[in-house]
Amino acid sequence: MRIVSLVLRIAPHSLPAAESALVAIPGVQVHAHDATTGKLIITIEDGQGYSTADSILAAHKVPCVLSATLAYEYGEDDAPPASQQPSLHRPPAQEAPSCH
């Protein structure tokens, strides 16, 4: 699972057209926009048959998008079962050096 959040800068008069084009991209959700500054906040989640990287590139290529800034990224690969994960516990040192 991969999720990213982007802040897009769009010419204010083009905001409705950009928003329509962006929601057509797989995994894209629009969360907020400011019509006066032309800023749009979106998230992209990967899914079957596409990656977040593909959708980020597609969002950046929307004609009205002037810039895209990555605000947040989360990635989690399929973790192995607990029985196969290495232990994070270390036994205490046998002979700890003196601090004096």
PDB file of N, CA and C in Angstrom:
ATOM      1  N   MET A   1       0.843  -1.170   0.000  1.00  0.00           N
ATOM      2  CA  MET A   1       0.000   0.000   0.000  1.00  0.00           C
ATOM      3  C   MET A   1       0.889   1.235   0.000  1.00  0.00           C
ATOM      4  N   ARG A   2       0.563   2.144  -0.863  1.00  0.00           N
ATOM      5  CA  ARG A   2       1.262   3.418  -0.930  1.00  0.00           C
ATOM      6  C   ARG A   2       0.211   4.523  -1.026  1.00  0.00           C
ATOM      7  N   ILE A   3       0.432   5.561  -0.237  1.00  0.00           N
ATOM      8  CA  ILE A   3      -0.442   6.729  -0.260  1.00  0.00           C
ATOM      9  C   ILE A   3       0.438   7.963  -0.266  1.00  0.00           C
ATOM     10  N   VAL A   4       0.096   8.920  -1.114  1.00  0.00           N
ATOM     11  CA  VAL A   4       0.814  10.190  -1.130  1.00  0.00           C
ATOM     12  C   VAL A   4      -0.196  11.329  -1.105  1.00  0.00           C
ATOM     13  N   SER A   5       0.242  12.463  -0.623  1.00  0.00           N
ATOM     14  CA  SER A   5      -0.562  13.673  -0.640  1.00  0.00           C
ATOM     15  C   SER A   5       0.234  14.736  -1.382  1.00  0.00           C
ATOM     16  N   LEU A   6      -0.442  15.435  -2.266  1.00  0.00           N
ATOM     17  CA  LEU A   6       0.200  16.482  -3.055  1.00  0.00           C
ATOM     18  C   LEU A   6      -0.547  17.795  -2.890  1.00  0.00           C
ATOM     19  N   VAL A   7       0.208  18.880  -2.908  1.00  0.00           N
ATOM     20  CA  VAL A   7      -0.370  20.215  -3.003  1.00  0.00           C
ATOM     21  C   VAL A   7      -0.079  20.676  -4.426  1.00  0.00           C
ATOM     22  N   LEU A   8      -1.150  20.903  -5.174  1.00  0.00           N
ATOM     23  CA  LEU A   8      -1.009  21.327  -6.561  1.00  0.00           C
ATOM     24  C   LEU A   8      -1.281  22.816  -6.675  1.00  0.00           C
ATOM     25  N   ARG A   9      -0.516  23.475  -7.515  1.00  0.00           N
ATOM     26  CA  ARG A   9      -0.726  24.899  -7.806  1.00  0.00           C
ATOM     27  C   ARG A   9      -1.319  24.989  -9.191  1.00  0.00           C
ATOM     28  N   ILE A  10      -2.472  25.620  -9.291  1.00  0.00           N
ATOM     29  CA  ILE A  10      -3.223  25.681 -10.536  1.00  0.00           C
ATOM     30  C   ILE A  10      -3.654  27.130 -10.764  1.00  0.00           C
ATOM     31  N   ALA A  11      -3.670  27.555 -12.014  1.00  0.00           N
ATOM     32  CA  ALA A  11      -4.185  28.899 -12.314  1.00  0.00           C
ATOM     33  C   ALA A  11      -5.628  28.948 -11.817  1.00  0.00           C
ATOM     34  N   PRO A  12      -5.960  29.928 -10.953  1.00  0.00           N
ATOM     35  CA  PRO A  12      -7.294  29.956 -10.332  1.00  0.00           C
ATOM     36  C   PRO A  12      -8.469  29.823 -11.299  1.00  0.00           C
ATOM     37  N   HIS A  13      -8.381  30.419 -12.469  1.00  0.00           N
ATOM     38  CA  HIS A  13      -9.490  30.329 -13.422  1.00  0.00           C
ATOM     39  C   HIS A  13      -9.629  28.920 -14.017  1.00  0.00           C
ATOM     40  N   SER A  14      -8.598  28.095 -13.890  1.00  0.00           N
ATOM     41  CA  SER A  14      -8.612  26.740 -14.445  1.00  0.00           C
ATOM     42  C   SER A  14      -8.935  25.676 -13.408  1.00  0.00           C
ATOM     43  N   LEU A  15      -9.223  26.080 -12.183  1.00  0.00           N
ATOM     44  CA  LEU A  15      -9.440  25.127 -11.091  1.00  0.00           C
ATOM     45  C   LEU A  15     -10.539  24.097 -11.383  1.00  0.00           C
ATOM     46  N   PRO A  16     -11.718  24.485 -11.858  1.00  0.00           N
ATOM     47  CA  PRO A  16     -12.756  23.479 -12.131  1.00  0.00           C
ATOM     48  C   PRO A  16     -12.333  22.445 -13.192  1.00  0.00           C
ATOM     49  N   ALA A  17     -11.685  22.901 -14.258  1.00  0.00           N
ATOM     50  CA  ALA A  17     -11.241  21.987 -15.312  1.00  0.00           C
ATOM     51  C   ALA A  17     -10.155  21.050 -14.797  1.00  0.00           C
ATOM     52  N   ALA A  18      -9.234  21.579 -14.007  1.00  0.00           N
ATOM     53  CA  ALA A  18      -8.166  20.749 -13.453  1.00  0.00           C
ATOM     54  C   ALA A  18      -8.731  19.706 -12.500  1.00  0.00           C
ATOM     55  N   GLU A  19      -9.670  20.114 -11.666  1.00  0.00           N
ATOM     56  CA  GLU A  19     -10.266  19.182 -10.709  1.00  0.00           C
ATOM     57  C   GLU A  19     -10.979  18.044 -11.446  1.00  0.00           C
ATOM     58  N   SER A  20     -11.678  18.349 -12.499  1.00  0.00           N
ATOM     59  CA  SER A  20     -12.353  17.320 -13.302  1.00  0.00           C
ATOM     60  C   SER A  20     -11.352  16.353 -13.921  1.00  0.00           C
ATOM     61  N   ALA A  21     -10.256  16.874 -14.437  1.00  0.00           N
ATOM     62  CA  ALA A  21      -9.236  16.016 -15.044  1.00  0.00           C
ATOM     63  C   ALA A  21      -8.540  15.158 -13.992  1.00  0.00           C
ATOM     64  N   LEU A  22      -8.308  15.716 -12.820  1.00  0.00           N
ATOM     65  CA  LEU A  22      -7.592  14.987 -11.769  1.00  0.00           C
ATOM     66  C   LEU A  22      -8.401  13.811 -11.217  1.00  0.00           C
ATOM     67  N   VAL A  23      -9.697  13.994 -10.995  1.00  0.00           N
ATOM     68  CA  VAL A  23     -10.500  12.908 -10.427  1.00  0.00           C
ATOM     69  C   VAL A  23     -10.649  11.743 -11.401  1.00  0.00           C
ATOM     70  N   ALA A  24     -10.332  11.951 -12.674  1.00  0.00           N
ATOM     71  CA  ALA A  24     -10.373  10.878 -13.658  1.00  0.00           C
ATOM     72  C   ALA A  24      -9.121   9.994 -13.597  1.00  0.00           C
ATOM     73  N   ILE A  25      -8.088  10.436 -12.877  1.00  0.00           N
ATOM     74  CA  ILE A  25      -6.843   9.675 -12.750  1.00  0.00           C
ATOM     75  C   ILE A  25      -7.035   8.607 -11.674  1.00  0.00           C
ATOM     76  N   PRO A  26      -6.622   7.362 -11.946  1.00  0.00           N
ATOM     77  CA  PRO A  26      -6.796   6.286 -10.961  1.00  0.00           C
ATOM     78  C   PRO A  26      -6.159   6.607  -9.616  1.00  0.00           C
ATOM     79  N   GLY A  27      -6.934   6.423  -8.546  1.00  0.00           N
ATOM     80  CA  GLY A  27      -6.437   6.595  -7.186  1.00  0.00           C
ATOM     81  C   GLY A  27      -6.467   8.006  -6.642  1.00  0.00           C
ATOM     82  N   VAL A  28      -6.856   8.987  -7.446  1.00  0.00           N
ATOM     83  CA  VAL A  28      -6.826  10.390  -7.024  1.00  0.00           C
ATOM     84  C   VAL A  28      -8.138  10.773  -6.340  1.00  0.00           C
ATOM     85  N   GLN A  29      -7.992  11.443  -5.209  1.00  0.00           N
ATOM     86  CA  GLN A  29      -9.123  12.043  -4.504  1.00  0.00           C
ATOM     87  C   GLN A  29      -8.775  13.490  -4.192  1.00  0.00           C
ATOM     88  N   VAL A  30      -9.708  14.383  -4.449  1.00  0.00           N
ATOM     89  CA  VAL A  30      -9.526  15.803  -4.138  1.00  0.00           C
ATOM     90  C   VAL A  30     -10.101  16.043  -2.754  1.00  0.00           C
ATOM     91  N   HIS A  31      -9.309  16.686  -1.889  1.00  0.00           N
ATOM     92  CA  HIS A  31      -9.748  16.905  -0.511  1.00  0.00           C
ATOM     93  C   HIS A  31     -10.050  18.363  -0.195  1.00  0.00           C
ATOM     94  N   ALA A  32      -9.361  19.281  -0.819  1.00  0.00           N
ATOM     95  CA  ALA A  32      -9.591  20.701  -0.533  1.00  0.00           C
ATOM     96  C   ALA A  32      -9.063  21.533  -1.694  1.00  0.00           C
ATOM     97  N   HIS A  33      -9.646  22.717  -1.841  1.00  0.00           N
ATOM     98  CA  HIS A  33      -9.122  23.651  -2.832  1.00  0.00           C
ATOM     99  C   HIS A  33      -9.386  25.078  -2.364  1.00  0.00           C
ATOM    100  N   ASP A  34      -8.549  25.961  -2.838  1.00  0.00           N
ATOM    101  CA  ASP A  34      -8.686  27.380  -2.546  1.00  0.00           C
ATOM    102  C   ASP A  34      -8.737  28.111  -3.878  1.00  0.00           C
ATOM    103  N   ALA A  35      -9.914  28.599  -4.230  1.00  0.00           N
ATOM    104  CA  ALA A  35     -10.119  29.229  -5.534  1.00  0.00           C
ATOM    105  C   ALA A  35      -9.333  30.525  -5.698  1.00  0.00           C
ATOM    106  N   THR A  36      -9.024  31.214  -4.598  1.00  0.00           N
ATOM    107  CA  THR A  36      -8.313  32.491  -4.719  1.00  0.00           C
ATOM    108  C   THR A  36      -6.822  32.293  -4.993  1.00  0.00           C
ATOM    109  N   THR A  37      -6.221  31.246  -4.399  1.00  0.00           N
ATOM    110  CA  THR A  37      -4.786  31.008  -4.602  1.00  0.00           C
ATOM    111  C   THR A  37      -4.510  29.944  -5.657  1.00  0.00           C
ATOM    112  N   GLY A  38      -5.524  29.155  -6.009  1.00  0.00           N
ATOM    113  CA  GLY A  38      -5.324  28.097  -6.996  1.00  0.00           C
ATOM    114  C   GLY A  38      -4.631  26.875  -6.428  1.00  0.00           C
ATOM    115  N   LYS A  39      -4.718  26.681  -5.131  1.00  0.00           N
ATOM    116  CA  LYS A  39      -4.105  25.496  -4.514  1.00  0.00           C
ATOM    117  C   LYS A  39      -5.147  24.399  -4.367  1.00  0.00           C
ATOM    118  N   LEU A  40      -4.712  23.178  -4.612  1.00  0.00           N
ATOM    119  CA  LEU A  40      -5.584  22.013  -4.544  1.00  0.00           C
ATOM    120  C   LEU A  40      -4.830  20.924  -3.797  1.00  0.00           C
ATOM    121  N   ILE A  41      -5.472  20.278  -2.837  1.00  0.00           N
ATOM    122  CA  ILE A  41      -4.852  19.192  -2.082  1.00  0.00           C
ATOM    123  C   ILE A  41      -5.494  17.886  -2.523  1.00  0.00           C
ATOM    124  N   ILE A  42      -4.648  16.948  -2.948  1.00  0.00           N
ATOM    125  CA  ILE A  42      -5.139  15.651  -3.377  1.00  0.00           C
ATOM    126  C   ILE A  42      -4.369  14.545  -2.659  1.00  0.00           C
ATOM    127  N   THR A  43      -4.978  13.379  -2.596  1.00  0.00           N
ATOM    128  CA  THR A  43      -4.263  12.170  -2.189  1.00  0.00           C
ATOM    129  C   THR A  43      -4.333  11.188  -3.338  1.00  0.00           C
ATOM    130  N   ILE A  44      -3.326  10.345  -3.397  1.00  0.00           N
ATOM    131  CA  ILE A  44      -3.268   9.294  -4.401  1.00  0.00           C
ATOM    132  C   ILE A  44      -2.935   7.998  -3.681  1.00  0.00           C
ATOM    133  N   GLU A  45      -3.747   6.983  -3.926  1.00  0.00           N
ATOM    134  CA  GLU A  45      -3.511   5.663  -3.337  1.00  0.00           C
ATOM    135  C   GLU A  45      -3.322   4.673  -4.473  1.00  0.00           C
ATOM    136  N   ASP A  46      -2.318   3.801  -4.342  1.00  0.00           N
ATOM    137  CA  ASP A  46      -2.099   2.824  -5.396  1.00  0.00           C
ATOM    138  C   ASP A  46      -3.229   1.797  -5.412  1.00  0.00           C
ATOM    139  N   GLY A  47      -3.328   1.094  -6.496  1.00  0.00           N
ATOM    140  CA  GLY A  47      -4.387   0.102  -6.631  1.00  0.00           C
ATOM    141  C   GLY A  47      -4.007  -0.945  -7.661  1.00  0.00           C
ATOM    142  N   GLN A  48      -4.937  -1.813  -7.928  1.00  0.00           N
ATOM    143  CA  GLN A  48      -4.715  -2.892  -8.884  1.00  0.00           C
ATOM    144  C   GLN A  48      -4.490  -2.322 -10.281  1.00  0.00           C
ATOM    145  N   GLY A  49      -3.345  -2.582 -10.869  1.00  0.00           N
ATOM    146  CA  GLY A  49      -3.078  -2.166 -12.239  1.00  0.00           C
ATOM    147  C   GLY A  49      -2.451  -0.796 -12.416  1.00  0.00           C
ATOM    148  N   TYR A  50      -2.207  -0.069 -11.325  1.00  0.00           N
ATOM    149  CA  TYR A  50      -1.543   1.230 -11.446  1.00  0.00           C
ATOM    150  C   TYR A  50      -0.775   1.510 -10.160  1.00  0.00           C
ATOM    151  N   SER A  51       0.180   2.388 -10.248  1.00  0.00           N
ATOM    152  CA  SER A  51       0.983   2.734  -9.075  1.00  0.00           C
ATOM    153  C   SER A  51       0.792   4.209  -8.738  1.00  0.00           C
ATOM    154  N   THR A  52       1.208   4.577  -7.536  1.00  0.00           N
ATOM    155  CA  THR A  52       1.138   5.987  -7.163  1.00  0.00           C
ATOM    156  C   THR A  52       2.040   6.822  -8.070  1.00  0.00           C
ATOM    157  N   ALA A  53       3.174   6.266  -8.458  1.00  0.00           N
ATOM    158  CA  ALA A  53       4.093   7.009  -9.329  1.00  0.00           C
ATOM    159  C   ALA A  53       3.428   7.344 -10.660  1.00  0.00           C
ATOM    160  N   ASP A  54       2.705   6.378 -11.244  1.00  0.00           N
ATOM    161  CA  ASP A  54       2.002   6.637 -12.502  1.00  0.00           C
ATOM    162  C   ASP A  54       0.975   7.750 -12.338  1.00  0.00           C
ATOM    163  N   SER A  55       0.234   7.708 -11.235  1.00  0.00           N
ATOM    164  CA  SER A  55      -0.808   8.709 -11.007  1.00  0.00           C
ATOM    165  C   SER A  55      -0.224  10.077 -10.677  1.00  0.00           C
ATOM    166  N   ILE A  56       0.917  10.114  -9.981  1.00  0.00           N
ATOM    167  CA  ILE A  56       1.587  11.396  -9.709  1.00  0.00           C
ATOM    168  C   ILE A  56       2.003  12.043 -11.031  1.00  0.00           C
ATOM    169  N   LEU A  57       2.601  11.253 -11.906  1.00  0.00           N
ATOM    170  CA  LEU A  57       3.021  11.790 -13.208  1.00  0.00           C
ATOM    171  C   LEU A  57       1.816  12.279 -14.017  1.00  0.00           C
ATOM    172  N   ALA A  58       0.742  11.499 -13.991  1.00  0.00           N
ATOM    173  CA  ALA A  58      -0.462  11.903 -14.726  1.00  0.00           C
ATOM    174  C   ALA A  58      -1.037  13.194 -14.156  1.00  0.00           C
ATOM    175  N   ALA A  59      -1.044  13.344 -12.836  1.00  0.00           N
ATOM    176  CA  ALA A  59      -1.557  14.568 -12.213  1.00  0.00           C
ATOM    177  C   ALA A  59      -0.697  15.767 -12.589  1.00  0.00           C
ATOM    178  N   HIS A  60       0.602  15.568 -12.621  1.00  0.00           N
ATOM    179  CA  HIS A  60       1.505  16.672 -12.956  1.00  0.00           C
ATOM    180  C   HIS A  60       1.380  17.076 -14.420  1.00  0.00           C
ATOM    181  N   LYS A  61       0.949  16.145 -15.264  1.00  0.00           N
ATOM    182  CA  LYS A  61       0.808  16.433 -16.697  1.00  0.00           C
ATOM    183  C   LYS A  61      -0.540  17.059 -17.063  1.00  0.00           C
ATOM    184  N   VAL A  62      -1.455  17.188 -16.108  1.00  0.00           N
ATOM    185  CA  VAL A  62      -2.720  17.867 -16.401  1.00  0.00           C
ATOM    186  C   VAL A  62      -2.370  19.289 -16.835  1.00  0.00           C
ATOM    187  N   PRO A  63      -2.875  19.738 -18.004  1.00  0.00           N
ATOM    188  CA  PRO A  63      -2.434  21.024 -18.568  1.00  0.00           C
ATOM    189  C   PRO A  63      -2.530  22.223 -17.632  1.00  0.00           C
ATOM    190  N   CYS A  64      -3.492  22.258 -16.746  1.00  0.00           N
ATOM    191  CA  CYS A  64      -3.682  23.417 -15.873  1.00  0.00           C
ATOM    192  C   CYS A  64      -2.769  23.406 -14.647  1.00  0.00           C
ATOM    193  N   VAL A  65      -2.105  22.293 -14.366  1.00  0.00           N
ATOM    194  CA  VAL A  65      -1.274  22.176 -13.165  1.00  0.00           C
ATOM    195  C   VAL A  65       0.062  22.874 -13.410  1.00  0.00           C
ATOM    196  N   LEU A  66       0.343  23.871 -12.576  1.00  0.00           N
ATOM    197  CA  LEU A  66       1.589  24.634 -12.707  1.00  0.00           C
ATOM    198  C   LEU A  66       2.727  23.985 -11.927  1.00  0.00           C
ATOM    199  N   SER A  67       2.406  23.410 -10.746  1.00  0.00           N
ATOM    200  CA  SER A  67       3.425  22.742  -9.936  1.00  0.00           C
ATOM    201  C   SER A  67       2.757  21.732  -9.018  1.00  0.00           C
ATOM    202  N   ALA A  68       3.557  20.787  -8.573  1.00  0.00           N
ATOM    203  CA  ALA A  68       3.077  19.758  -7.643  1.00  0.00           C
ATOM    204  C   ALA A  68       4.138  19.582  -6.561  1.00  0.00           C
ATOM    205  N   THR A  69       3.714  19.650  -5.310  1.00  0.00           N
ATOM    206  CA  THR A  69       4.617  19.482  -4.174  1.00  0.00           C
ATOM    207  C   THR A  69       4.172  18.280  -3.364  1.00  0.00           C
ATOM    208  N   LEU A  70       5.103  17.352  -3.143  1.00  0.00           N
ATOM    209  CA  LEU A  70       4.805  16.182  -2.323  1.00  0.00           C
ATOM    210  C   LEU A  70       4.754  16.622  -0.869  1.00  0.00           C
ATOM    211  N   ALA A  71       3.601  16.425  -0.233  1.00  0.00           N
ATOM    212  CA  ALA A  71       3.430  16.851   1.157  1.00  0.00           C
ATOM    213  C   ALA A  71       3.551  15.683   2.121  1.00  0.00           C
ATOM    214  N   TYR A  72       3.193  14.480   1.672  1.00  0.00           N
ATOM    215  CA  TYR A  72       3.188  13.316   2.569  1.00  0.00           C
ATOM    216  C   TYR A  72       3.314  12.059   1.731  1.00  0.00           C
ATOM    217  N   GLU A  73       4.039  11.073   2.271  1.00  0.00           N
ATOM    218  CA  GLU A  73       4.164   9.783   1.602  1.00  0.00           C
ATOM    219  C   GLU A  73       4.154   8.683   2.649  1.00  0.00           C
ATOM    220  N   TYR A  74       3.370   7.650   2.398  1.00  0.00           N
ATOM    221  CA  TYR A  74       3.325   6.489   3.270  1.00  0.00           C
ATOM    222  C   TYR A  74       3.429   5.255   2.395  1.00  0.00           C
ATOM    223  N   GLY A  75       4.279   4.346   2.776  1.00  0.00           N
ATOM    224  CA  GLY A  75       4.419   3.100   2.030  1.00  0.00           C
ATOM    225  C   GLY A  75       4.574   1.923   2.965  1.00  0.00           C
ATOM    226  N   GLU A  76       3.873   0.876   2.628  1.00  0.00           N
ATOM    227  CA  GLU A  76       3.960  -0.343   3.430  1.00  0.00           C
ATOM    228  C   GLU A  76       3.968  -1.523   2.480  1.00  0.00           C
ATOM    229  N   ASP A  77       5.048  -2.283   2.519  1.00  0.00           N
ATOM    230  CA  ASP A  77       5.110  -3.498   1.725  1.00  0.00           C
ATOM    231  C   ASP A  77       4.445  -4.612   2.502  1.00  0.00           C
ATOM    232  N   ASP A  78       4.107  -5.674   1.808  1.00  0.00           N
ATOM    233  CA  ASP A  78       3.536  -6.820   2.499  1.00  0.00           C
ATOM    234  C   ASP A  78       4.580  -7.355   3.474  1.00  0.00           C
ATOM    235  N   ALA A  79       4.258  -7.312   4.739  1.00  0.00           N
ATOM    236  CA  ALA A  79       5.191  -7.751   5.779  1.00  0.00           C
ATOM    237  C   ALA A  79       5.183  -9.270   5.884  1.00  0.00           C
ATOM    238  N   PRO A  80       6.348  -9.898   6.164  1.00  0.00           N
ATOM    239  CA  PRO A  80       6.367 -11.345   6.369  1.00  0.00           C
ATOM    240  C   PRO A  80       5.666 -11.690   7.678  1.00  0.00           C
ATOM    241  N   PRO A  81       5.225 -12.932   7.827  1.00  0.00           N
ATOM    242  CA  PRO A  81       4.594 -13.337   9.084  1.00  0.00           C
ATOM    243  C   PRO A  81       5.507 -13.072  10.275  1.00  0.00           C
ATOM    244  N   ALA A  82       4.903 -12.875  11.435  1.00  0.00           N
ATOM    245  CA  ALA A  82       5.668 -12.552  12.654  1.00  0.00           C
ATOM    246  C   ALA A  82       6.729 -13.589  12.951  1.00  0.00           C
ATOM    247  N   SER A  83       6.475 -14.833  12.616  1.00  0.00           N
ATOM    248  CA  SER A  83       7.457 -15.893  12.904  1.00  0.00           C
ATOM    249  C   SER A  83       8.706 -15.750  12.043  1.00  0.00           C
ATOM    250  N   GLN A  84       8.638 -15.004  10.939  1.00  0.00           N
ATOM    251  CA  GLN A  84       9.787 -14.825  10.063  1.00  0.00           C
ATOM    252  C   GLN A  84      10.475 -13.479  10.246  1.00  0.00           C
ATOM    253  N   GLN A  85       9.913 -12.615  11.072  1.00  0.00           N
ATOM    254  CA  GLN A  85      10.516 -11.304  11.278  1.00  0.00           C
ATOM    255  C   GLN A  85      11.678 -11.415  12.257  1.00  0.00           C
ATOM    256  N   PRO A  86      12.760 -10.685  11.998  1.00  0.00           N
ATOM    257  CA  PRO A  86      13.883 -10.718  12.931  1.00  0.00           C
ATOM    258  C   PRO A  86      13.496 -10.054  14.248  1.00  0.00           C
ATOM    259  N   SER A  87      14.050 -10.544  15.306  1.00  0.00           N
ATOM    260  CA  SER A  87      13.767  -9.989  16.624  1.00  0.00           C
ATOM    261  C   SER A  87      14.511  -8.673  16.793  1.00  0.00           C
ATOM    262  N   LEU A  88      13.837  -7.687  17.361  1.00  0.00           N
ATOM    263  CA  LEU A  88      14.464  -6.399  17.632  1.00  0.00           C
ATOM    264  C   LEU A  88      15.074  -6.362  19.026  1.00  0.00           C
ATOM    265  N   HIS A  89      14.873  -7.413  19.801  1.00  0.00           N
ATOM    266  CA  HIS A  89      15.387  -7.483  21.168  1.00  0.00           C
ATOM    267  C   HIS A  89      16.821  -7.988  21.138  1.00  0.00           C
ATOM    268  N   ARG A  90      17.704  -7.267  21.828  1.00  0.00           N
ATOM    269  CA  ARG A  90      19.086  -7.706  21.963  1.00  0.00           C
ATOM    270  C   ARG A  90      19.320  -8.073  23.412  1.00  0.00           C
ATOM    271  N   PRO A  91      20.029  -9.158  23.649  1.00  0.00           N
ATOM    272  CA  PRO A  91      20.337  -9.503  25.041  1.00  0.00           C
ATOM    273  C   PRO A  91      21.284  -8.459  25.623  1.00  0.00           C
ATOM    274  N   PRO A  92      21.249  -8.267  26.941  1.00  0.00           N
ATOM    275  CA  PRO A  92      22.150  -7.276  27.560  1.00  0.00           C
ATOM    276  C   PRO A  92      23.608  -7.696  27.402  1.00  0.00           C
ATOM    277  N   ALA A  93      24.467  -6.683  27.398  1.00  0.00           N
ATOM    278  CA  ALA A  93      25.903  -6.949  27.280  1.00  0.00           C
ATOM    279  C   ALA A  93      26.382  -7.756  28.480  1.00  0.00           C
ATOM    280  N   GLN A  94      27.300  -8.672  28.241  1.00  0.00           N
ATOM    281  CA  GLN A  94      27.823  -9.512  29.310  1.00  0.00           C
ATOM    282  C   GLN A  94      28.682  -8.694  30.277  1.00  0.00           C
ATOM    283  N   GLU A  95      29.587  -7.935  29.759  1.00  0.00           N
ATOM    284  CA  GLU A  95      30.493  -7.123  30.556  1.00  0.00           C
ATOM    285  C   GLU A  95      30.339  -5.685  30.120  1.00  0.00           C
ATOM    286  N   ALA A  96      29.540  -4.928  30.791  1.00  0.00           N
ATOM    287  CA  ALA A  96      29.383  -3.526  30.433  1.00  0.00           C
ATOM    288  C   ALA A  96      30.580  -2.751  30.970  1.00  0.00           C
ATOM    289  N   PRO A  97      31.188  -1.871  30.172  1.00  0.00           N
ATOM    290  CA  PRO A  97      32.315  -1.090  30.653  1.00  0.00           C
ATOM    291  C   PRO A  97      31.859  -0.111  31.724  1.00  0.00           C
ATOM    292  N   SER A  98      32.755   0.155  32.648  1.00  0.00           N
ATOM    293  CA  SER A  98      32.459   1.075  33.720  1.00  0.00           C
ATOM    294  C   SER A  98      32.414   2.504  33.199  1.00  0.00           C
ATOM    295  N   CYS A  99      31.515   3.299  33.736  1.00  0.00           N
ATOM    296  CA  CYS A  99      31.417   4.692  33.336  1.00  0.00           C
ATOM    297  C   CYS A  99      32.373   5.568  34.139  1.00  0.00           C
ATOM    298  N   HIS A 100      33.094   5.008  35.083  1.00  0.00           N
ATOM    299  CA  HIS A 100      33.971   5.802  35.954  1.00  0.00           C
ATOM    300  C   HIS A 100      35.387   5.763  35.484  1.00  0.00           C
TER     301      HIS A 100
END
